[in-house]
Protein backbone atom coordinates (compact mmCIF):
# COMPACT_ATOMS: atom_id res chain seq x y z
CA MET A 1 -42.84 -30.07 -15.50
CA SER A 2 -41.45 -27.56 -17.99
CA TYR A 3 -37.87 -26.30 -17.54
CA ARG A 4 -38.14 -23.77 -20.34
CA TRP A 5 -37.88 -20.93 -17.78
CA LEU A 6 -34.57 -22.37 -16.48
CA TYR A 7 -33.18 -22.54 -20.00
CA GLY A 8 -34.12 -18.89 -20.47
CA VAL A 9 -32.32 -17.88 -17.28
CA LEU A 10 -29.16 -19.73 -18.36
CA VAL A 11 -29.20 -18.07 -21.76
CA LEU A 12 -29.54 -14.67 -20.07
CA LEU A 13 -26.67 -15.36 -17.66
CA ILE A 14 -24.33 -16.59 -20.38
CA SER A 15 -24.99 -13.43 -22.36
CA LEU A 16 -24.01 -11.16 -19.47
CA PRO A 17 -20.53 -9.50 -19.55
CA GLY A 18 -18.07 -11.39 -17.38
CA TRP A 19 -20.11 -14.60 -17.19
CA GLY A 20 -17.66 -17.45 -16.56
CA GLN A 21 -15.08 -14.99 -15.24
CA SER A 22 -13.98 -14.83 -11.60
CA SER A 23 -15.38 -11.80 -9.81
CA SER A 24 -12.04 -11.03 -8.18
CA ALA A 25 -8.92 -10.11 -10.10
CA VAL A 26 -5.88 -12.29 -9.41
CA ALA A 27 -3.20 -10.46 -11.39
CA THR A 28 -2.18 -7.43 -13.43
CA PHE A 29 0.73 -6.51 -15.71
CA SER A 30 4.10 -5.33 -14.42
CA SER A 31 5.42 -4.61 -17.93
CA ILE A 32 4.16 -4.57 -21.51
CA VAL A 33 6.19 -4.04 -24.67
CA GLY A 34 4.45 -3.96 -28.03
CA ASP A 35 1.09 -5.48 -28.90
CA VAL A 36 -0.54 -7.48 -26.10
CA ALA A 37 -4.21 -8.41 -25.81
CA VAL A 38 -6.38 -10.07 -23.16
CA LEU A 39 -9.06 -12.57 -24.14
CA ARG A 40 -11.65 -12.65 -21.37
CA ALA A 41 -13.39 -15.84 -20.35
CA ASP A 42 -16.62 -14.49 -21.87
CA GLY A 43 -14.93 -14.16 -25.28
CA LYS A 44 -14.38 -10.39 -25.19
CA GLN A 45 -10.94 -9.22 -26.32
CA ILE A 46 -9.30 -6.03 -25.05
CA THR A 47 -5.96 -4.32 -25.58
CA ALA A 48 -3.76 -4.81 -22.52
CA THR A 49 -2.37 -1.84 -20.59
CA LEU A 50 -0.55 -1.56 -17.29
CA ARG A 51 -3.91 -0.75 -15.69
CA THR A 52 -5.54 -3.96 -16.92
CA GLN A 53 -6.54 -6.44 -14.23
CA LEU A 54 -6.61 -10.15 -14.97
CA TYR A 55 -9.10 -12.78 -13.83
CA LEU A 56 -9.12 -16.56 -13.71
CA ASN A 57 -9.44 -18.14 -17.18
CA ASP A 58 -8.34 -14.97 -18.99
CA ARG A 59 -5.77 -15.51 -21.73
CA VAL A 60 -2.89 -13.12 -22.34
CA GLU A 61 -2.12 -13.00 -26.07
CA VAL A 62 1.38 -11.71 -26.87
CA ARG A 63 1.81 -10.71 -30.50
CA ARG A 64 4.97 -11.11 -32.53
CA ASN A 65 7.98 -9.06 -31.31
CA SER A 66 6.08 -8.14 -28.13
CA LYS A 67 6.60 -8.93 -24.45
CA ALA A 68 4.52 -8.97 -21.27
CA VAL A 69 5.16 -9.81 -17.62
CA VAL A 70 2.16 -10.74 -15.46
CA LEU A 71 2.19 -9.90 -11.74
CA PHE A 72 0.02 -12.20 -9.68
CA TYR A 73 -1.26 -10.76 -6.41
CA SER A 74 0.73 -13.50 -4.68
CA GLY A 75 3.75 -11.41 -5.69
CA LYS A 76 4.83 -13.91 -8.36
CA GLU A 77 5.84 -12.54 -11.78
CA VAL A 78 5.43 -14.67 -14.91
CA GLN A 79 6.83 -13.89 -18.35
CA ALA A 80 4.12 -14.37 -20.97
CA PRO A 81 5.56 -16.36 -23.88
CA GLY A 82 6.07 -14.44 -27.12
CA SER A 83 3.69 -15.25 -30.00
CA LYS A 84 1.75 -17.54 -27.64
CA SER A 85 -0.94 -17.23 -24.98
CA LEU A 86 -0.72 -17.44 -21.20
CA ARG A 87 -3.78 -18.73 -19.40
CA ILE A 88 -4.46 -17.14 -16.02
CA ASN A 89 -5.15 -20.10 -13.77
CA SER A 90 -5.81 -20.71 -10.11
CA GLU A 91 -2.51 -22.54 -9.54
CA ASP A 92 -0.41 -19.44 -10.24
CA GLY A 93 -2.84 -17.06 -8.57
CA SER A 94 -3.41 -18.83 -5.25
CA LYS A 95 -0.09 -20.31 -4.10
CA SER A 96 0.24 -17.69 -1.38
CA VAL A 97 -0.22 -19.14 2.10
CA LEU A 98 -1.23 -15.63 3.16
CA THR A 99 -4.39 -14.96 1.21
CA SER A 100 -4.91 -11.64 2.97
CA ILE A 101 -1.61 -10.38 1.51
CA SER A 102 -2.86 -11.02 -2.03
CA LYS A 103 -6.03 -9.08 -1.31
CA MET A 104 -4.11 -6.27 0.38
CA LEU A 105 -1.61 -6.06 -2.48
CA GLN A 106 -4.45 -5.62 -4.96
CA GLN A 107 -6.03 -2.92 -2.76
CA ALA A 108 -2.70 -1.14 -2.31
CA ILE A 109 -1.98 -0.94 -6.05
CA TRP A 110 -5.41 0.23 -7.11
CA GLY A 111 -6.19 2.49 -4.17
CA LYS A 112 -9.05 0.60 -2.55
CA GLU A 113 -10.04 1.56 0.97
CA LYS A 114 -8.09 0.01 3.84
CA SER A 115 -10.30 -1.64 6.47
CA ARG A 116 -7.76 -1.65 9.34
CA GLN A 117 -6.55 1.91 8.88
CA VAL A 118 -5.98 3.65 12.19
CA ALA A 119 -7.59 6.99 11.58
CA GLY A 120 -7.76 7.62 7.86
CA ALA A 121 -6.32 10.60 6.03
CA THR A 122 -7.75 13.16 8.42
CA ARG A 123 -5.26 15.91 7.70
CA TYR A 124 -4.52 18.00 4.64
CA ILE A 125 -1.07 19.47 4.00
CA ASP A 126 -1.45 22.69 2.04
CA PRO A 127 1.41 22.86 -0.53
CA GLN A 128 0.99 26.65 -0.75
CA ASN A 129 1.52 27.16 2.99
CA HIS A 130 5.30 27.45 3.27
CA SER A 131 5.26 27.93 7.04
CA GLN A 132 3.22 24.84 7.86
CA ILE A 133 4.79 22.28 10.19
CA TYR A 134 3.62 18.72 9.66
CA ILE A 135 4.28 15.47 11.46
CA ARG A 136 6.24 12.99 9.36
CA TYR A 137 6.05 10.09 11.79
CA PRO A 138 4.07 8.65 13.49
CA VAL A 139 0.95 9.68 11.57
CA GLU A 140 -2.14 7.70 10.52
CA THR A 141 -0.37 4.52 11.55
CA LYS A 142 0.17 1.89 14.16
CA VAL A 143 3.64 1.62 15.67
CA LYS A 144 5.45 -1.31 17.26
CA SER A 145 7.18 0.50 20.11
CA PRO A 146 5.37 2.10 23.08
CA ARG A 147 8.12 4.75 22.90
CA PRO A 148 8.14 5.73 19.21
CA ALA A 149 10.58 8.15 17.63
CA ILE A 150 8.88 11.33 16.42
CA SER A 151 9.86 13.39 13.38
CA TRP A 152 8.39 16.41 11.61
CA VAL A 153 9.05 18.85 8.77
CA ASP A 154 9.39 22.59 9.32
CA PRO A 155 9.92 24.71 6.15
CA GLN A 156 11.15 27.57 8.38
CA PHE A 157 13.59 25.54 10.44
CA GLN A 158 16.43 27.54 12.01
CA ALA A 159 19.42 26.40 14.04
CA GLY A 160 18.57 26.40 17.74
CA GLN A 161 14.81 26.46 17.10
CA GLU A 162 12.80 25.38 20.14
CA TYR A 163 9.87 23.03 19.64
CA GLN A 164 7.20 21.78 22.02
CA VAL A 165 6.07 18.23 21.33
CA ALA A 166 2.68 17.37 22.83
CA ILE A 167 1.12 13.90 22.94
CA GLU A 168 -2.34 13.28 24.28
CA SER A 169 -4.94 10.55 24.16
CA SER A 170 -8.26 10.82 22.39
CA VAL A 171 -9.61 8.11 24.72
CA SER A 172 -7.92 8.22 28.13
CA GLY A 173 -6.55 11.20 30.04
CA TYR A 174 -2.94 10.71 28.88
CA LYS A 175 -1.05 13.97 28.26
CA TYR A 176 2.66 14.61 27.97
CA GLN A 177 4.71 17.50 26.65
CA PHE A 178 8.44 18.03 26.22
CA SER A 179 10.90 20.36 24.50
CA VAL A 180 13.28 19.73 21.60
CA PHE A 181 16.01 22.17 20.59
CA GLY A 182 17.59 22.54 17.15
CA ASP A 183 16.26 19.34 15.60
CA THR A 184 13.17 18.00 13.81
CA MET A 185 13.27 14.50 15.21
CA THR A 186 13.49 13.06 18.69
CA ASP A 187 13.33 9.82 20.59
CA PHE A 188 10.47 9.36 23.02
CA PRO A 189 11.70 10.62 26.42
CA ALA A 190 12.89 7.83 28.72
CA ASP A 191 11.16 9.41 31.72
CA ALA A 192 7.78 9.82 29.98
CA PRO A 193 4.92 7.45 30.85
CA SER A 194 4.73 4.61 28.31
CA LEU A 195 2.00 4.55 25.70
CA THR A 196 -0.39 1.58 25.63
CA SER A 197 -1.99 -0.50 22.89
CA ASN A 198 -5.55 0.12 24.08
CA ASP A 199 -5.47 3.84 23.35
CA PHE A 200 -5.38 6.30 20.45
CA TYR A 201 -2.97 9.22 20.42
CA ILE A 202 -2.61 12.65 18.87
CA VAL A 203 0.81 14.27 18.43
CA GLN A 204 1.43 17.94 17.65
CA VAL A 205 4.56 20.06 17.37
CA SER A 206 4.60 23.82 17.96
CA THR A 207 7.17 26.59 18.00
CA ARG A 208 7.69 29.52 20.30
CA PRO A 209 6.16 31.76 19.19
CA GLY A 210 3.13 30.69 17.42
CA ARG A 211 3.19 27.97 14.73
CA THR A 212 1.52 24.62 15.40
CA SER A 213 1.58 21.50 13.27
CA ILE A 214 -1.37 19.64 11.86
CA PRO A 215 -2.21 16.83 14.33
CA GLY A 216 -0.87 13.35 13.66
CA HIS A 217 -2.86 10.31 14.80
CA PHE A 218 -1.40 6.96 15.79
CA SER A 219 -1.80 3.95 18.04
CA ILE A 220 0.42 1.19 19.47
CA ILE A 221 -0.01 -2.24 17.91
CA HIS A 222 -1.33 -4.83 20.36
CA PRO A 223 1.16 -7.52 21.51
CA ASP A 224 -1.17 -10.23 20.18
CA GLU A 225 -1.05 -8.61 16.74
CA LEU A 226 2.75 -8.60 16.91
CA GLY A 227 2.61 -12.35 17.51
CA PHE A 228 0.36 -12.81 14.48
CA LEU A 229 2.69 -10.59 12.45
CA ASP A 230 5.71 -12.75 13.37
CA THR A 231 3.81 -15.86 12.24
CA ASP A 232 2.80 -14.19 8.97
CA MET A 233 6.37 -13.02 8.35
CA ALA A 234 7.63 -16.59 8.77
CA SER A 235 5.05 -17.77 6.23
CA LEU A 236 6.07 -14.98 3.88
CA ARG A 237 9.74 -16.00 4.06
CA GLN A 238 8.71 -19.58 3.29
CA LEU A 239 6.65 -18.35 0.33
CA CYS A 240 9.74 -16.54 -1.02
CA ASP A 241 11.97 -19.60 -0.45
CA GLY A 242 13.94 -17.70 2.19
CA ASP A 243 15.10 -15.03 -0.28
CA THR A 244 14.61 -11.92 1.84
CA LEU A 245 16.62 -9.79 -0.62
CA SER A 246 14.26 -10.34 -3.55
CA PRO A 247 11.93 -7.61 -4.83
CA ARG A 248 9.04 -10.04 -4.35
CA TYR A 249 9.80 -10.26 -0.63
CA ASP A 250 9.84 -6.45 -0.36
CA LEU A 251 6.55 -6.24 -2.25
CA LEU A 252 4.78 -8.74 -0.02
CA CYS A 253 6.30 -7.17 3.12
CA ALA A 254 4.82 -3.83 2.04
CA ALA A 255 1.38 -5.37 1.63
CA LEU A 256 1.63 -7.28 4.92
CA TYR A 257 2.76 -4.26 6.95
CA TRP A 258 0.02 -2.13 5.41
CA ASP A 259 -2.53 -4.81 6.30
CA TYR A 260 -1.40 -4.50 9.93
CA GLY A 261 -1.55 -0.70 9.78
CA LEU A 262 2.25 -0.32 10.11
CA MET A 263 2.55 2.41 7.52
CA GLN A 264 6.20 3.40 8.04
CA ASP A 265 7.30 -0.23 7.74
CA ALA A 266 5.22 -0.52 4.55
CA GLU A 267 6.84 2.65 3.20
CA LYS A 268 10.35 1.33 3.88
CA ALA A 269 9.56 -1.96 2.11
CA MET A 270 8.22 -0.10 -0.94
CA LEU A 271 11.30 2.13 -1.09
CA ARG A 272 13.55 -0.97 -0.93
CA TYR A 273 11.67 -2.42 -3.89
CA ILE A 274 11.92 0.83 -5.87
CA SER A 275 15.69 0.96 -5.21
CA LYS A 276 15.97 -2.43 -6.95
CA LYS A 277 13.38 -1.91 -9.70
CA PRO A 278 12.86 1.87 -10.05
CA ASP A 279 10.94 1.67 -13.34
CA THR A 280 7.99 -0.31 -11.97
CA PRO A 281 4.79 1.80 -12.31
CA TYR A 282 2.62 -0.11 -9.85
CA LEU A 283 5.11 0.40 -7.00
CA HIS A 284 4.87 4.16 -7.45
CA TRP A 285 1.07 3.86 -7.50
CA MET A 286 1.24 1.85 -4.27
CA LEU A 287 3.47 4.46 -2.65
CA SER A 288 1.12 7.20 -3.87
CA ASN A 289 -1.85 5.45 -2.26
CA LEU A 290 0.09 4.93 0.98
CA TYR A 291 1.05 8.60 1.19
CA ARG A 292 -2.53 9.63 0.45
CA ALA A 293 -3.73 7.45 3.33
CA MET A 294 -1.18 9.20 5.56
CA GLY A 295 -2.21 12.68 4.42
CA ARG A 296 1.10 13.35 2.64
CA ASN A 297 -0.57 14.76 -0.44
CA GLN A 298 2.42 16.25 -2.26
CA ALA A 299 4.36 12.98 -2.04
CA SER A 300 1.24 11.09 -3.15
CA THR A 301 0.80 13.30 -6.22
CA ARG A 302 4.50 13.03 -7.10
CA HIS A 303 4.58 9.24 -7.07
CA LYS A 304 1.30 8.91 -8.96
CA LYS A 305 2.76 11.11 -11.68
CA ILE A 306 5.95 9.02 -11.80
CA GLY A 307 3.89 5.83 -12.07
CA ASP A 308 1.68 7.27 -14.82
CA GLN A 309 4.74 8.44 -16.77
CA LEU A 310 6.40 5.03 -16.51
CA ALA A 311 3.16 3.42 -17.67
CA GLY A 312 2.90 5.79 -20.64
CA LEU A 313 -0.28 7.35 -19.33
CA GLU A 314 1.10 10.91 -19.45
């Protein structure tokens, strides 16, 4: 039997771009100074930028008087040695006991679609409409409490302004409305019927007279999911050696909360990270993608621009 056909197939495969390279990226760069290159597993060499993704068996080549820090999607950062090469290997890229966090972190940085998103970015905030009320929270998110706090933004806010807050279900017949005076945030009324985890809700705020907010969509996280979240958080603390004040912990918390659809918790974790390391481009890109998913387009554009400027892309 002749195996000449098999030899031909192997030659064809080896000649394809990316042959020998993992199909999924495991890392990127958090900082680059000077001349840094990436040698792919297939032999192709490219100039590294802060938008370069790294795969197993890639080599990071740091030239003389240059520096680079690699961010693995496990949240671990590794300084690439100067005038030497750093091989991207499976040991550094797969230590995370929460593999879904690594995948979610990659998606969050690069703006991939989120599979567990509650409703998607179904609203558009018009930056030219200076009278538009919009819900700040809860919107396009899951929430932990069946009695969530509600906040909104009103460009025409005046002292003593009366608002009507209306919550209704898009599944069941739940409807509840209450008044708020002189404020743009409120706790959920103690005498209101509780919200449940097997429903989807729409919240709107209106004034008297006449202006009504864009609807915000949210749901209550299921108690079973909260149990899974507690388990995942314990694993995350173990992964970070109990250091809950580290930027790495904040970064992985952001990815974990986003994976559970808890967008406000993800936002808070990202802002904690930025307060510690404000010059990190990928965190601003993450925040931009989060705000875009929540329909907060101005904030999304602002943080993308900050990230691009920090990365030298503008």
